[in-house]
Amino acid sequence: MADTGDPNAALEMRAADSDRERVAEQLREAAGHGRLTMDELEERLERAYSAKTYAELEPLTRDLPAAGTTPPLPAPVGSTAATPLIGGTPTKRRWSIAIMSGSDRRGRWVVPARYNAFSFWGGVVLDLRQATFAERETVIRANAIMAGIDIIAPEGVDLRVEGFGLMGGYDDATADNVEPPPPGAPIVRVVGIAFWAGVTGRRKAAKALEEKQRGELAS
């Protein structure tokens, strides 16, 4: 085959069924991580399976990370940490339960993509300010009955409190002066129900920064 000198010539080559399926799999993975809506997925899959050349396939994944990878994120506001908030092997324990008792989860740990918190006549505290996240989007299912669950996330996380309070409260108690999360920040969704109970999510300064500020005020 003669070299035409045109760098775009390869894009005009005919695509194989395996090429179309590879793109389709990347699109499905992106939708599974929330990067595409179901409507966008359907529209792109239709274009992928009808594509005849690489030039028609290439735009479908141009704005997506390669399959099986996570794009790097900017450091959260107020953080000097060199390590990203996303990555690592998730902690095996995927739940916190308090029945007429208390359960605290703090310190350094890797939060799995799905985590469950349940409290009955007790209290659960999930402090995520020193944690990292296995995936860009984390769902915490927090159910409380005549109890309380408190979830604390750092400023660099996009916290979304989406549960339902029945004769109770399911609230985002983040203070107005807390900086908004940066673009591409990890997303933590808190879902579930609070029955005669309270589930509270809030964003606060990273623990190390908070301790430093407290020490400066005391000096």
N, C-alpha and C. Protein backbone atom coordinates (compact mmCIF):
# COMPACT_ATOMS: atom_id res chain seq x y z
N MET A 1 0.85 -1.19 0.00
CA MET A 1 0.00 0.00 0.00
C MET A 1 0.87 1.24 0.00
N ALA A 2 0.65 2.18 -0.89
CA ALA A 2 1.46 3.37 -1.02
C ALA A 2 1.17 4.33 0.12
N ASP A 3 2.27 5.04 0.55
CA ASP A 3 2.13 6.04 1.59
C ASP A 3 1.70 7.35 0.96
N THR A 4 0.49 7.82 1.28
CA THR A 4 -0.03 9.03 0.67
C THR A 4 0.49 10.28 1.35
N GLY A 5 1.10 10.14 2.54
CA GLY A 5 1.56 11.30 3.28
C GLY A 5 0.46 12.02 4.02
N ASP A 6 -0.75 11.56 3.92
CA ASP A 6 -1.89 12.19 4.59
C ASP A 6 -2.10 11.52 5.93
N PRO A 7 -1.91 12.24 7.07
CA PRO A 7 -2.07 11.62 8.39
C PRO A 7 -3.49 11.18 8.67
N ASN A 8 -4.46 11.70 7.92
CA ASN A 8 -5.86 11.33 8.14
C ASN A 8 -6.30 10.16 7.26
N ALA A 9 -5.38 9.66 6.45
CA ALA A 9 -5.76 8.59 5.53
C ALA A 9 -6.23 7.34 6.27
N ALA A 10 -5.57 7.05 7.43
CA ALA A 10 -5.94 5.85 8.18
C ALA A 10 -7.38 5.92 8.66
N LEU A 11 -7.87 7.13 8.94
CA LEU A 11 -9.24 7.27 9.43
C LEU A 11 -10.26 6.89 8.36
N GLU A 12 -9.85 6.95 7.09
CA GLU A 12 -10.78 6.62 6.02
C GLU A 12 -10.83 5.13 5.72
N MET A 13 -10.02 4.35 6.43
CA MET A 13 -10.05 2.90 6.23
C MET A 13 -11.36 2.33 6.74
N ARG A 14 -11.78 1.24 6.17
CA ARG A 14 -13.03 0.60 6.56
C ARG A 14 -12.88 -0.07 7.92
N ALA A 15 -13.89 0.08 8.76
CA ALA A 15 -13.90 -0.51 10.10
C ALA A 15 -14.45 -1.92 10.05
N ALA A 16 -13.94 -2.77 10.94
CA ALA A 16 -14.41 -4.15 11.04
C ALA A 16 -15.47 -4.26 12.14
N ASP A 17 -16.14 -5.40 12.18
CA ASP A 17 -17.14 -5.63 13.24
C ASP A 17 -16.49 -5.54 14.62
N SER A 18 -15.25 -6.04 14.75
CA SER A 18 -14.57 -5.99 16.04
C SER A 18 -14.30 -4.55 16.47
N ASP A 19 -14.03 -3.65 15.50
CA ASP A 19 -13.81 -2.24 15.82
C ASP A 19 -15.10 -1.61 16.34
N ARG A 20 -16.19 -1.92 15.68
CA ARG A 20 -17.48 -1.37 16.12
C ARG A 20 -17.86 -1.88 17.50
N GLU A 21 -17.59 -3.15 17.77
CA GLU A 21 -17.92 -3.71 19.08
C GLU A 21 -17.03 -3.13 20.17
N ARG A 22 -15.75 -2.87 19.86
CA ARG A 22 -14.84 -2.26 20.83
C ARG A 22 -15.33 -0.88 21.24
N VAL A 23 -15.79 -0.09 20.27
CA VAL A 23 -16.31 1.24 20.57
C VAL A 23 -17.60 1.13 21.37
N ALA A 24 -18.45 0.20 21.01
CA ALA A 24 -19.71 0.02 21.73
C ALA A 24 -19.46 -0.34 23.18
N GLU A 25 -18.47 -1.20 23.44
CA GLU A 25 -18.16 -1.58 24.81
C GLU A 25 -17.64 -0.39 25.61
N GLN A 26 -16.83 0.46 24.97
CA GLN A 26 -16.34 1.66 25.65
C GLN A 26 -17.48 2.61 25.98
N LEU A 27 -18.46 2.71 25.10
CA LEU A 27 -19.63 3.56 25.34
C LEU A 27 -20.47 3.02 26.49
N ARG A 28 -20.66 1.71 26.52
CA ARG A 28 -21.44 1.11 27.62
C ARG A 28 -20.76 1.33 28.96
N GLU A 29 -19.44 1.18 28.99
CA GLU A 29 -18.70 1.40 30.23
C GLU A 29 -18.83 2.85 30.69
N ALA A 30 -18.75 3.79 29.73
CA ALA A 30 -18.88 5.20 30.07
C ALA A 30 -20.26 5.50 30.64
N ALA A 31 -21.29 4.90 30.07
CA ALA A 31 -22.64 5.10 30.59
C ALA A 31 -22.79 4.50 31.98
N GLY A 32 -22.13 3.36 32.22
CA GLY A 32 -22.19 2.74 33.53
C GLY A 32 -21.57 3.59 34.62
N HIS A 33 -20.62 4.45 34.23
CA HIS A 33 -19.98 5.35 35.19
C HIS A 33 -20.64 6.73 35.22
N GLY A 34 -21.74 6.89 34.49
CA GLY A 34 -22.45 8.16 34.53
C GLY A 34 -21.91 9.22 33.59
N ARG A 35 -20.99 8.85 32.69
CA ARG A 35 -20.43 9.85 31.77
C ARG A 35 -21.35 10.11 30.58
N LEU A 36 -22.24 9.19 30.30
CA LEU A 36 -23.23 9.35 29.24
C LEU A 36 -24.61 9.07 29.80
N THR A 37 -25.60 9.81 29.33
CA THR A 37 -26.98 9.50 29.68
C THR A 37 -27.43 8.32 28.83
N MET A 38 -28.55 7.73 29.18
CA MET A 38 -29.05 6.60 28.40
C MET A 38 -29.42 7.03 26.98
N ASP A 39 -29.94 8.25 26.83
CA ASP A 39 -30.26 8.76 25.49
C ASP A 39 -28.99 8.92 24.66
N GLU A 40 -27.93 9.46 25.30
CA GLU A 40 -26.66 9.62 24.58
C GLU A 40 -26.08 8.27 24.21
N LEU A 41 -26.17 7.31 25.13
CA LEU A 41 -25.66 5.97 24.85
C LEU A 41 -26.38 5.36 23.66
N GLU A 42 -27.70 5.43 23.66
CA GLU A 42 -28.48 4.86 22.56
C GLU A 42 -28.12 5.50 21.23
N GLU A 43 -27.99 6.84 21.23
CA GLU A 43 -27.68 7.56 19.98
C GLU A 43 -26.29 7.19 19.47
N ARG A 44 -25.31 7.09 20.39
CA ARG A 44 -23.94 6.78 19.97
C ARG A 44 -23.80 5.32 19.54
N LEU A 45 -24.51 4.42 20.22
CA LEU A 45 -24.46 3.01 19.81
C LEU A 45 -25.02 2.84 18.40
N GLU A 46 -26.09 3.55 18.11
CA GLU A 46 -26.68 3.47 16.76
C GLU A 46 -25.67 3.92 15.72
N ARG A 47 -24.96 5.01 16.01
CA ARG A 47 -23.95 5.51 15.08
C ARG A 47 -22.76 4.56 14.97
N ALA A 48 -22.40 3.93 16.11
CA ALA A 48 -21.26 3.02 16.10
C ALA A 48 -21.53 1.80 15.23
N TYR A 49 -22.71 1.20 15.39
CA TYR A 49 -23.00 -0.02 14.65
C TYR A 49 -23.27 0.24 13.17
N SER A 50 -23.56 1.50 12.83
CA SER A 50 -23.76 1.82 11.41
C SER A 50 -22.53 2.43 10.76
N ALA A 51 -21.44 2.64 11.56
CA ALA A 51 -20.23 3.26 11.03
C ALA A 51 -19.55 2.34 10.02
N LYS A 52 -19.02 2.94 8.95
CA LYS A 52 -18.31 2.17 7.93
C LYS A 52 -16.81 2.41 7.97
N THR A 53 -16.37 3.54 8.53
CA THR A 53 -14.94 3.87 8.57
C THR A 53 -14.53 4.26 9.98
N TYR A 54 -13.19 4.27 10.18
CA TYR A 54 -12.66 4.73 11.46
C TYR A 54 -13.00 6.19 11.72
N ALA A 55 -13.12 6.98 10.66
CA ALA A 55 -13.45 8.39 10.81
C ALA A 55 -14.83 8.58 11.43
N GLU A 56 -15.74 7.64 11.19
CA GLU A 56 -17.07 7.72 11.77
C GLU A 56 -17.08 7.21 13.22
N LEU A 57 -16.15 6.33 13.57
CA LEU A 57 -16.09 5.80 14.93
C LEU A 57 -15.35 6.74 15.88
N GLU A 58 -14.30 7.39 15.39
CA GLU A 58 -13.42 8.17 16.27
C GLU A 58 -14.15 9.24 17.08
N PRO A 59 -15.09 10.03 16.51
CA PRO A 59 -15.74 11.08 17.31
C PRO A 59 -16.61 10.55 18.44
N LEU A 60 -17.02 9.29 18.36
CA LEU A 60 -17.95 8.75 19.35
C LEU A 60 -17.31 8.58 20.73
N THR A 61 -15.99 8.44 20.78
CA THR A 61 -15.30 8.23 22.06
C THR A 61 -14.25 9.31 22.32
N ARG A 62 -14.26 10.36 21.51
CA ARG A 62 -13.22 11.40 21.64
C ARG A 62 -13.25 12.06 23.01
N ASP A 63 -14.44 12.22 23.60
CA ASP A 63 -14.55 12.91 24.90
C ASP A 63 -14.63 11.94 26.07
N LEU A 64 -14.22 10.67 25.85
CA LEU A 64 -14.30 9.65 26.90
C LEU A 64 -12.92 9.08 27.19
N PRO A 65 -12.65 8.68 28.46
CA PRO A 65 -11.38 8.01 28.76
C PRO A 65 -11.37 6.62 28.15
N ALA A 66 -10.19 6.09 27.95
CA ALA A 66 -10.07 4.74 27.41
C ALA A 66 -10.72 3.76 28.37
N ALA A 67 -11.22 2.66 27.83
CA ALA A 67 -11.90 1.66 28.66
C ALA A 67 -10.98 1.16 29.76
N GLY A 68 -11.54 1.06 30.97
CA GLY A 68 -10.78 0.54 32.09
C GLY A 68 -9.85 1.52 32.76
N THR A 69 -9.89 2.80 32.36
CA THR A 69 -9.02 3.81 32.97
C THR A 69 -9.86 4.90 33.60
N THR A 70 -9.25 5.66 34.52
CA THR A 70 -9.89 6.80 35.15
C THR A 70 -9.05 8.03 34.89
N PRO A 71 -9.62 9.10 34.31
CA PRO A 71 -8.83 10.29 34.04
C PRO A 71 -8.37 10.96 35.33
N PRO A 72 -7.18 11.59 35.32
CA PRO A 72 -6.72 12.29 36.53
C PRO A 72 -7.61 13.47 36.85
N LEU A 73 -7.77 13.76 38.14
CA LEU A 73 -8.60 14.87 38.58
C LEU A 73 -7.74 15.95 39.20
N PRO A 74 -8.18 17.20 39.13
CA PRO A 74 -7.45 18.26 39.82
C PRO A 74 -7.54 18.06 41.33
N ALA A 75 -6.52 18.54 42.05
CA ALA A 75 -6.54 18.44 43.51
C ALA A 75 -7.68 19.28 44.05
N PRO A 76 -8.35 18.85 45.13
CA PRO A 76 -9.46 19.61 45.68
C PRO A 76 -9.00 20.96 46.19
N VAL A 77 -9.95 21.90 46.25
CA VAL A 77 -9.65 23.23 46.74
C VAL A 77 -9.12 23.15 48.16
N GLY A 78 -8.03 23.85 48.43
CA GLY A 78 -7.46 23.88 49.77
C GLY A 78 -6.59 22.68 50.09
N SER A 79 -6.38 21.79 49.13
CA SER A 79 -5.60 20.60 49.38
C SER A 79 -4.23 20.72 48.74
N THR A 80 -3.20 20.24 49.43
CA THR A 80 -1.86 20.20 48.87
C THR A 80 -1.43 18.77 48.60
N ALA A 81 -2.37 17.88 48.69
CA ALA A 81 -2.04 16.46 48.50
C ALA A 81 -1.63 16.21 47.07
N ALA A 82 -0.60 15.37 46.88
CA ALA A 82 -0.13 15.06 45.54
C ALA A 82 -0.89 13.88 44.97
N THR A 83 -1.51 13.06 45.82
CA THR A 83 -2.21 11.88 45.35
C THR A 83 -3.65 12.24 44.98
N PRO A 84 -4.21 11.61 43.91
CA PRO A 84 -5.58 11.91 43.52
C PRO A 84 -6.57 11.32 44.50
N LEU A 85 -7.80 11.81 44.45
CA LEU A 85 -8.84 11.30 45.33
C LEU A 85 -9.43 10.00 44.82
N ILE A 86 -9.16 9.67 43.56
CA ILE A 86 -9.75 8.46 42.98
C ILE A 86 -8.65 7.44 42.69
N GLY A 87 -8.90 6.20 43.08
CA GLY A 87 -7.96 5.13 42.78
C GLY A 87 -7.70 4.28 44.01
N GLY A 88 -7.20 3.09 43.76
CA GLY A 88 -6.87 2.18 44.85
C GLY A 88 -7.87 1.03 44.96
N THR A 89 -7.49 0.02 45.71
CA THR A 89 -8.35 -1.14 45.92
C THR A 89 -9.36 -0.83 47.01
N PRO A 90 -10.65 -0.96 46.71
CA PRO A 90 -11.66 -0.61 47.72
C PRO A 90 -11.58 -1.49 48.96
N THR A 91 -11.90 -0.90 50.08
CA THR A 91 -11.94 -1.63 51.34
C THR A 91 -12.95 -2.78 51.25
N LYS A 92 -12.58 -3.95 51.79
CA LYS A 92 -13.48 -5.10 51.71
C LYS A 92 -14.79 -4.86 52.45
N ARG A 93 -14.69 -4.20 53.60
CA ARG A 93 -15.91 -3.92 54.36
C ARG A 93 -16.71 -2.84 53.65
N ARG A 94 -17.94 -3.15 53.31
CA ARG A 94 -18.77 -2.24 52.52
C ARG A 94 -20.02 -1.81 53.28
N TRP A 95 -19.96 -1.79 54.61
CA TRP A 95 -21.14 -1.41 55.38
C TRP A 95 -20.73 -0.87 56.74
N SER A 96 -21.62 -0.08 57.33
CA SER A 96 -21.53 0.36 58.72
C SER A 96 -22.91 0.18 59.33
N ILE A 97 -23.00 -0.52 60.45
CA ILE A 97 -24.28 -0.82 61.09
C ILE A 97 -24.21 -0.44 62.56
N ALA A 98 -25.24 0.24 63.02
CA ALA A 98 -25.35 0.58 64.44
C ALA A 98 -26.76 0.27 64.91
N ILE A 99 -26.91 -0.72 65.79
CA ILE A 99 -28.19 -1.09 66.36
C ILE A 99 -28.10 -0.89 67.86
N MET A 100 -28.79 0.14 68.34
CA MET A 100 -28.71 0.53 69.74
C MET A 100 -27.24 0.71 70.17
N SER A 101 -26.47 1.29 69.25
CA SER A 101 -25.04 1.46 69.50
C SER A 101 -24.52 2.53 68.54
N GLY A 102 -23.21 2.61 68.41
CA GLY A 102 -22.61 3.58 67.50
C GLY A 102 -21.57 2.94 66.62
N SER A 103 -21.37 3.52 65.44
CA SER A 103 -20.35 3.03 64.51
C SER A 103 -19.70 4.22 63.82
N ASP A 104 -18.38 4.33 63.93
CA ASP A 104 -17.62 5.41 63.31
C ASP A 104 -16.65 4.85 62.29
N ARG A 105 -16.58 5.48 61.14
CA ARG A 105 -15.58 5.11 60.11
C ARG A 105 -14.82 6.37 59.77
N ARG A 106 -13.53 6.41 60.12
CA ARG A 106 -12.72 7.60 59.92
C ARG A 106 -11.35 7.21 59.38
N GLY A 107 -10.51 8.20 59.17
CA GLY A 107 -9.13 7.94 58.77
C GLY A 107 -8.98 7.65 57.29
N ARG A 108 -7.89 6.96 56.94
CA ARG A 108 -7.57 6.68 55.54
C ARG A 108 -8.16 5.33 55.13
N TRP A 109 -9.00 5.35 54.11
CA TRP A 109 -9.57 4.13 53.57
C TRP A 109 -10.05 4.41 52.16
N VAL A 110 -10.22 3.36 51.38
CA VAL A 110 -10.68 3.50 50.00
C VAL A 110 -12.15 3.12 49.96
N VAL A 111 -12.99 4.10 49.68
CA VAL A 111 -14.44 3.89 49.71
C VAL A 111 -14.87 3.13 48.45
N PRO A 112 -15.55 2.00 48.60
CA PRO A 112 -16.02 1.27 47.41
C PRO A 112 -17.12 2.05 46.70
N ALA A 113 -17.40 1.67 45.46
CA ALA A 113 -18.40 2.38 44.65
C ALA A 113 -19.79 2.29 45.26
N ARG A 114 -20.06 1.25 46.05
CA ARG A 114 -21.34 1.09 46.73
C ARG A 114 -21.07 0.81 48.20
N TYR A 115 -21.70 1.60 49.07
CA TYR A 115 -21.49 1.43 50.52
C TYR A 115 -22.84 1.57 51.20
N ASN A 116 -23.05 0.78 52.27
CA ASN A 116 -24.32 0.78 52.99
C ASN A 116 -24.11 1.21 54.43
N ALA A 117 -24.98 2.09 54.90
CA ALA A 117 -24.98 2.50 56.30
C ALA A 117 -26.40 2.33 56.84
N PHE A 118 -26.51 1.66 58.01
CA PHE A 118 -27.82 1.44 58.61
C PHE A 118 -27.73 1.72 60.10
N SER A 119 -28.71 2.45 60.61
CA SER A 119 -28.72 2.77 62.04
C SER A 119 -30.13 2.64 62.59
N PHE A 120 -30.26 1.91 63.72
CA PHE A 120 -31.53 1.75 64.42
C PHE A 120 -31.28 2.03 65.89
N TRP A 121 -31.89 3.10 66.39
CA TRP A 121 -31.67 3.50 67.78
C TRP A 121 -30.16 3.63 68.05
N GLY A 122 -29.47 4.20 67.12
CA GLY A 122 -28.02 4.34 67.27
C GLY A 122 -27.50 5.46 66.40
N GLY A 123 -26.20 5.47 66.16
CA GLY A 123 -25.61 6.52 65.35
C GLY A 123 -24.45 6.01 64.51
N VAL A 124 -24.39 6.46 63.27
CA VAL A 124 -23.29 6.11 62.37
C VAL A 124 -22.63 7.40 61.90
N VAL A 125 -21.30 7.44 61.94
CA VAL A 125 -20.54 8.56 61.40
C VAL A 125 -19.60 8.02 60.32
N LEU A 126 -19.70 8.57 59.11
CA LEU A 126 -18.77 8.26 58.02
C LEU A 126 -18.00 9.53 57.71
N ASP A 127 -16.74 9.56 58.08
CA ASP A 127 -15.88 10.72 57.84
C ASP A 127 -14.99 10.40 56.64
N LEU A 128 -15.23 11.07 55.52
CA LEU A 128 -14.53 10.78 54.27
C LEU A 128 -13.40 11.75 53.99
N ARG A 129 -13.05 12.59 54.94
CA ARG A 129 -12.09 13.66 54.66
C ARG A 129 -10.66 13.17 54.44
N GLN A 130 -10.34 11.98 54.88
CA GLN A 130 -9.02 11.41 54.61
C GLN A 130 -9.11 10.19 53.70
N ALA A 131 -10.29 9.97 53.15
CA ALA A 131 -10.52 8.78 52.31
C ALA A 131 -10.24 9.10 50.84
N THR A 132 -10.04 8.04 50.07
CA THR A 132 -10.05 8.13 48.62
C THR A 132 -11.18 7.25 48.11
N PHE A 133 -11.46 7.32 46.81
CA PHE A 133 -12.64 6.66 46.26
C PHE A 133 -12.23 5.73 45.13
N ALA A 134 -12.78 4.52 45.16
CA ALA A 134 -12.43 3.52 44.15
C ALA A 134 -12.91 3.94 42.76
N GLU A 135 -14.03 4.65 42.69
CA GLU A 135 -14.60 5.09 41.42
C GLU A 135 -14.91 6.58 41.50
N ARG A 136 -15.12 7.20 40.34
CA ARG A 136 -15.44 8.63 40.34
C ARG A 136 -16.79 8.88 41.00
N GLU A 137 -17.75 7.96 40.87
CA GLU A 137 -19.06 8.13 41.50
C GLU A 137 -19.28 7.05 42.55
N THR A 138 -19.61 7.48 43.76
CA THR A 138 -19.87 6.58 44.88
C THR A 138 -21.31 6.77 45.34
N VAL A 139 -21.99 5.66 45.60
CA VAL A 139 -23.35 5.70 46.12
C VAL A 139 -23.34 5.14 47.54
N ILE A 140 -23.73 5.95 48.50
CA ILE A 140 -23.87 5.52 49.89
C ILE A 140 -25.36 5.41 50.20
N ARG A 141 -25.81 4.21 50.47
CA ARG A 141 -27.21 3.99 50.83
C ARG A 141 -27.33 4.07 52.35
N ALA A 142 -27.89 5.17 52.83
CA ALA A 142 -27.97 5.43 54.27
C ALA A 142 -29.42 5.37 54.72
N ASN A 143 -29.76 4.35 55.49
CA ASN A 143 -31.11 4.17 56.04
C ASN A 143 -31.06 4.26 57.56
N ALA A 144 -31.93 5.09 58.13
CA ALA A 144 -31.94 5.29 59.57
C ALA A 144 -33.36 5.19 60.10
N ILE A 145 -33.51 4.49 61.22
CA ILE A 145 -34.80 4.35 61.89
C ILE A 145 -34.63 4.78 63.34
N MET A 146 -35.27 5.88 63.70
CA MET A 146 -35.16 6.43 65.06
C MET A 146 -33.69 6.52 65.47
N ALA A 147 -32.89 7.08 64.56
CA ALA A 147 -31.44 7.09 64.76
C ALA A 147 -30.84 8.24 63.96
N GLY A 148 -29.53 8.24 63.86
CA GLY A 148 -28.87 9.29 63.11
C GLY A 148 -27.69 8.77 62.32
N ILE A 149 -27.48 9.32 61.13
CA ILE A 149 -26.32 9.01 60.30
C ILE A 149 -25.72 10.33 59.84
N ASP A 150 -24.42 10.50 60.05
CA ASP A 150 -23.73 11.73 59.68
C ASP A 150 -22.62 11.39 58.70
N ILE A 151 -22.66 12.00 57.52
CA ILE A 151 -21.66 11.75 56.48
C ILE A 151 -20.91 13.05 56.21
N ILE A 152 -19.59 13.01 56.40
CA ILE A 152 -18.76 14.20 56.25
C ILE A 152 -17.82 13.99 55.07
N ALA A 153 -17.92 14.87 54.07
CA ALA A 153 -17.07 14.79 52.89
C ALA A 153 -16.18 16.03 52.82
N PRO A 154 -15.01 15.93 52.19
CA PRO A 154 -14.15 17.10 52.05
C PRO A 154 -14.69 18.07 51.00
N GLU A 155 -14.14 19.27 50.99
CA GLU A 155 -14.60 20.29 50.05
C GLU A 155 -14.43 19.85 48.60
N GLY A 156 -13.42 19.04 48.31
CA GLY A 156 -13.14 18.65 46.94
C GLY A 156 -14.03 17.57 46.38
N VAL A 157 -15.11 17.25 47.08
CA VAL A 157 -16.05 16.20 46.64
C VAL A 157 -17.40 16.82 46.33
N ASP A 158 -18.03 16.34 45.27
CA ASP A 158 -19.38 16.78 44.91
C ASP A 158 -20.38 15.90 45.66
N LEU A 159 -20.85 16.39 46.80
CA LEU A 159 -21.77 15.63 47.66
C LEU A 159 -23.21 15.93 47.26
N ARG A 160 -23.98 14.89 47.02
CA ARG A 160 -25.38 15.04 46.62
C ARG A 160 -26.25 14.21 47.56
N VAL A 161 -27.00 14.89 48.42
CA VAL A 161 -27.87 14.22 49.40
C VAL A 161 -29.25 14.10 48.78
N GLU A 162 -29.64 12.88 48.43
CA GLU A 162 -30.84 12.67 47.61
C GLU A 162 -31.86 11.75 48.28
N GLY A 163 -31.70 11.48 49.58
CA GLY A 163 -32.62 10.57 50.25
C GLY A 163 -33.92 11.23 50.64
N PHE A 164 -34.75 10.48 51.38
CA PHE A 164 -36.11 10.91 51.73
C PHE A 164 -36.32 10.80 53.23
N GLY A 165 -36.85 11.85 53.82
CA GLY A 165 -37.15 11.84 55.24
C GLY A 165 -38.64 11.65 55.50
N LEU A 166 -39.01 10.62 56.27
CA LEU A 166 -40.40 10.36 56.63
C LEU A 166 -40.52 10.58 58.13
N MET A 167 -41.17 11.68 58.50
CA MET A 167 -41.19 12.10 59.90
C MET A 167 -39.76 12.20 60.43
N GLY A 168 -38.90 12.64 59.56
CA GLY A 168 -37.49 12.79 59.90
C GLY A 168 -36.84 13.73 58.90
N GLY A 169 -35.52 13.80 58.91
CA GLY A 169 -34.82 14.71 58.03
C GLY A 169 -33.75 14.00 57.23
N TYR A 170 -33.61 14.43 55.97
CA TYR A 170 -32.57 13.91 55.08
C TYR A 170 -31.98 15.15 54.41
N ASP A 171 -30.89 15.69 54.99
CA ASP A 171 -30.48 17.05 54.67
C ASP A 171 -29.01 17.16 54.31
N ASP A 172 -28.73 18.18 53.47
CA ASP A 172 -27.36 18.62 53.20
C ASP A 172 -27.10 19.82 54.10
N ALA A 173 -26.23 19.66 55.08
CA ALA A 173 -25.97 20.71 56.06
C ALA A 173 -24.67 21.46 55.77
N THR A 174 -24.20 21.41 54.52
CA THR A 174 -22.97 22.12 54.16
C THR A 174 -23.16 23.61 54.35
N ALA A 175 -22.20 24.24 55.00
CA ALA A 175 -22.27 25.68 55.25
C ALA A 175 -22.12 26.45 53.93
N ASP A 176 -22.73 27.64 53.90
CA ASP A 176 -22.71 28.44 52.68
C ASP A 176 -21.31 28.90 52.28
N ASN A 177 -20.40 29.01 53.25
CA ASN A 177 -19.07 29.52 52.94
C ASN A 177 -18.09 28.44 52.48
N VAL A 178 -18.54 27.21 52.35
CA VAL A 178 -17.68 26.14 51.87
C VAL A 178 -17.53 26.26 50.36
N GLU A 179 -16.29 26.15 49.87
CA GLU A 179 -16.02 26.29 48.44
C GLU A 179 -16.74 25.20 47.64
N PRO A 180 -17.27 25.54 46.45
CA PRO A 180 -17.89 24.51 45.61
C PRO A 180 -16.85 23.53 45.11
N PRO A 181 -17.25 22.30 44.79
CA PRO A 181 -16.27 21.32 44.29
C PRO A 181 -15.74 21.73 42.93
N PRO A 182 -14.50 21.38 42.60
CA PRO A 182 -13.93 21.74 41.30
C PRO A 182 -14.53 20.89 40.18
N PRO A 183 -14.39 21.31 38.92
CA PRO A 183 -14.87 20.49 37.80
C PRO A 183 -14.22 19.10 37.82
N GLY A 184 -15.02 18.09 37.55
CA GLY A 184 -14.50 16.73 37.53
C GLY A 184 -14.30 16.11 38.89
N ALA A 185 -14.83 16.74 39.94
CA ALA A 185 -14.65 16.22 41.30
C ALA A 185 -15.36 14.88 41.46
N PRO A 186 -14.88 14.03 42.37
CA PRO A 186 -15.59 12.79 42.68
C PRO A 186 -17.01 13.09 43.15
N ILE A 187 -17.95 12.26 42.78
CA ILE A 187 -19.35 12.44 43.16
C ILE A 187 -19.71 11.42 44.24
N VAL A 188 -20.30 11.90 45.31
CA VAL A 188 -20.81 11.00 46.36
C VAL A 188 -22.31 11.25 46.48
N ARG A 189 -23.10 10.26 46.13
CA ARG A 189 -24.56 10.34 46.24
C ARG A 189 -25.00 9.62 47.52
N VAL A 190 -25.81 10.29 48.31
CA VAL A 190 -26.35 9.69 49.53
C VAL A 190 -27.84 9.47 49.31
N VAL A 191 -28.26 8.21 49.32
CA VAL A 191 -29.65 7.87 49.05
C VAL A 191 -30.18 7.01 50.19
N GLY A 192 -31.50 6.90 50.29
CA GLY A 192 -32.10 6.07 51.33
C GLY A 192 -33.26 6.78 51.99
N ILE A 193 -33.58 6.35 53.22
CA ILE A 193 -34.73 6.90 53.93
C ILE A 193 -34.38 7.13 55.40
N ALA A 194 -34.94 8.19 55.96
CA ALA A 194 -34.81 8.47 57.40
C ALA A 194 -36.22 8.46 57.98
N PHE A 195 -36.51 7.46 58.83
CA PHE A 195 -37.82 7.32 59.44
C PHE A 195 -37.72 7.65 60.92
N TRP A 196 -38.37 8.76 61.32
CA TRP A 196 -38.22 9.26 62.69
C TRP A 196 -36.73 9.36 63.02
N ALA A 197 -35.98 9.87 62.08
CA ALA A 197 -34.53 9.86 62.22
C ALA A 197 -33.94 11.02 61.42
N GLY A 198 -32.61 11.13 61.46
CA GLY A 198 -31.94 12.17 60.71
C GLY A 198 -30.72 11.63 59.99
N VAL A 199 -30.67 11.87 58.69
CA VAL A 199 -29.47 11.58 57.90
C VAL A 199 -28.95 12.92 57.40
N THR A 200 -27.70 13.22 57.72
CA THR A 200 -27.13 14.52 57.38
C THR A 200 -25.83 14.33 56.61
N GLY A 201 -25.72 15.02 55.50
CA GLY A 201 -24.47 15.06 54.74
C GLY A 201 -23.94 16.48 54.78
N ARG A 202 -22.63 16.62 54.85
CA ARG A 202 -22.03 17.95 54.85
C ARG A 202 -20.63 17.87 54.27
N ARG A 203 -20.21 18.98 53.66
CA ARG A 203 -18.83 19.08 53.18
C ARG A 203 -18.06 20.02 54.10
N LYS A 204 -16.87 19.59 54.50
CA LYS A 204 -16.03 20.39 55.38
C LYS A 204 -14.61 20.39 54.83
N ALA A 205 -13.79 21.29 55.34
CA ALA A 205 -12.40 21.32 54.93
C ALA A 205 -11.74 19.98 55.21
N ALA A 206 -10.76 19.62 54.38
CA ALA A 206 -10.02 18.38 54.61
C ALA A 206 -9.48 18.36 56.03
N LYS A 207 -9.43 17.19 56.64
CA LYS A 207 -9.14 17.10 58.07
C LYS A 207 -7.80 17.74 58.43
N ALA A 208 -6.77 17.51 57.62
CA ALA A 208 -5.47 18.09 57.93
C ALA A 208 -5.53 19.61 57.90
N LEU A 209 -6.25 20.16 56.90
CA LEU A 209 -6.38 21.61 56.80
C LEU A 209 -7.18 22.16 57.96
N GLU A 210 -8.24 21.46 58.35
CA GLU A 210 -9.07 21.91 59.47
C GLU A 210 -8.26 21.94 60.77
N GLU A 211 -7.45 20.92 61.00
CA GLU A 211 -6.64 20.87 62.20
C GLU A 211 -5.59 21.99 62.20
N LYS A 212 -5.02 22.27 61.02
CA LYS A 212 -4.05 23.35 60.91
C LYS A 212 -4.70 24.70 61.24
N GLN A 213 -5.90 24.93 60.67
CA GLN A 213 -6.60 26.19 60.92
C GLN A 213 -6.96 26.32 62.40
N ARG A 214 -7.37 25.19 63.02
CA ARG A 214 -7.72 25.24 64.44
C ARG A 214 -6.49 25.58 65.28
N GLY A 215 -5.31 25.04 64.90
CA GLY A 215 -4.09 25.35 65.62
C GLY A 215 -3.68 26.80 65.47
N GLU A 216 -3.89 27.37 64.26
CA GLU A 216 -3.54 28.76 64.05
C GLU A 216 -4.43 29.69 64.88
N LEU A 217 -5.71 29.30 65.01
CA LEU A 217 -6.62 30.12 65.80
C LEU A 217 -6.26 30.06 67.28
N ALA A 218 -5.76 28.91 67.72
CA ALA A 218 -5.43 28.74 69.14
C ALA A 218 -4.13 29.44 69.52
N SER A 219 -3.24 29.65 68.54
CA SER A 219 -1.93 30.25 68.82
C SER A 219 -2.02 31.77 68.97
